[in-house]
Amino acid sequence: MASEESIQESNTSDFYIKETTPFPLEEELEEVQDPVEKSGKPDSNSTKEISQDKLPIKENQTPSSPKRQTFIECLLACEKLKVTSILITVFAIITMVYLGRISDDRKQIQSSRVYLTDVTIDHVTKGNTLKHVWRVLNSLGYRQDKSITSLKDLSMDNKDWNLLWTFNYTFIDHYEKLKNLGVYQKINHFPGCEYITEKDKLSTTPLKYNLPAFKLPSEKETFLNFAAKHPEKKYVINHNRQGKIEIKSSEEIKTGGYLDTNGSFIQEFLEKPLLVGGHMFNIEVYTIITSIDPLRIYIYNGDFPLRFCPEKFHPFDSKNVDKYVVSDIHPDIDIIQNLYDKLGYRWRDSLSAYLTIAGRNTAYIWNQIDEAIGMAIVSKQSDIKKVMAQYKSKRNFFELLRFDCLIDEDLNVFILEANISPKLTSERYGKNVLIYEQVLFNLFGLVGLADRIQKDLSHKFQENIEMETSEKNILVQPNVCSGSGCKNNCVDLVCKVCKFCLQQNKELEQDLREAHREHLNRGDCKRIYPPAMKQFSKLPETLKELPENDQLMYLWFQEKCNLDSTWCS
């Protein structure tokens, strides 16, 4: 791991003092003492005056000796030495104070990059799940507070950290510790994100890109009606809490006692999947939610890893899960051995090349993926907002998910599931190391944890953020805002993003500033919500169906797109 950044102190110059006349010895001072004073009476042998400008010459000492100086010169030398000593002392104190301030600043800078981890689950710790997270954070100058290995160790008044990276959904057990976070603190989950990541909650939501699914036992009758219309279909029985699946016909489900099982759901099985080299596969899309209200969603566009089933799909055998459950062990097929391994292409490029050679239009796949993920998260936005209302601020959270997508033989996309705390380890397939670390690097840049401007825990350097995003950077539609229609008017939607209205709505202003910084720092991430737009397009009629904050965010991006085409997607 990269070592922690340090600030090197410059070497202070050594102080050299010119050699001075030594202090007069006690015996020498005695020799120049007044004889009357010494004996108490005049000395008859001391009629000769003693020179006032020279010390008496000691035996074997010549007049040229440097020690032969007057008493006054000795005193002057002492005074000079005292002054020099005082100057040295003062300078040393100033130097120490200055270096102390550097040290304090260094501590502030270091403390602004402190992260905690909560890895209490046995299989997580043993699998070293977070090693790539640690590596990327360390390379960004963060240091880990190793005294806290679980949220159980975190005291209520401990605010000396910037990032909590937790594998678990921690908000139920540790609500009191997390409800009042500082403006500089981030957690890698949103309260309420389980509405997306619990498979039964997402899969049973009737969406365009979901295969039909039914909760058991509450939706038993709905399933029976559907099965009666499609007797030929097979279904996947998901035992939600166990991670166990089975494939059964509708008759086997009815007669096997599955319909009254709690904690399960049934979903249509994709019987005609797109195969590569005869194998069924998933496309994995790393997805980042930076804000729930208003909603902003990005995907890591650098690559979409593929995971294959170990065995070929045909001849199909429902009892052999290796035919329809993907694995980390990749089979020997050309798309892996040649395009990805040998020629070094990305997973998505390898798949595109494979399908293009076969005459298929892969752009259709990627466009559907953007829409499918956006639609899935939008469907759960209101549920998550209700949970987040219990927290002091909506700005302390972000989410990294991995959506697993299936493709049928007609290139239609279906969402299989969304994974909370997606696996970012490379034990089983080491060639994905770079993908995981690039995902993390781009994530931290996007959510502001890899800021070019360093901030301490007290947000002392908050004003420096203006260098990156100022008021002028977020103002749009000059023609509209300068007109009479928006003068002192904050009722009409189009006027609410004008300066006069933003000054009265600091929450919206902060939302726009965050969106601006995300755009600047998105790296290899692609915004999928608000969706891509074209310059000078009319606002869609469906915009009115969205929450007002989402309408304003869409309007703002459209106006930024009108001013600069690089903002259109």
Foldseek 3Di string as FASTA:
>chain_A
DDAFDDDDDDDDDDDDDDDDADADDPVQVVQPDDPCVVPVHDDPVPPDDDDQFWTDADPPGDPVDSNTGHPVVNVVRVVVVVVVVVVVVVVVVVVVVVVVVVVVVRVQLQLLAEEEEADPDPVCVVQVQCPLVVVLSRVLNHDYPVCHHHCVSDDLPDQSHQEYEYQDPCCPVCVSSAQEHDPRHAYAAFQQCVCAFQQVNLQCPDDPQHFHKFAAQVCVVVVVVVCVVPQPWWKWKAQRVPRDIAIGGPVCCVPVPVNHDHNIMIGTDQPFFDDAVQWFKKWKWKKKWQALQVTWIKIQQPATDMFTQQDGPPPHDRVDCSRPDTDLDDHDHCLCPPVCPPVNDGSLVSVCVRVVVVVDDCVVLVVQVLVVVVVSSVVCSVVSVVRSVSHPDRRRYMHIKMWIWTAGPNRRIHTNGIHGSDRLDCPSPVVCVVVSSVVSNLNCLLNVNSDPDRAGSVRPVVVVCCVVPNPVNQQFDPVVQVDPVLDVDCPDLVNCSHPVNCVVVVVLVVVSRSVSSNLVRNVSMGISVVHADAAPDDDDPCLVVDPSSSSSVNSSLNRVCNVPVSSRD
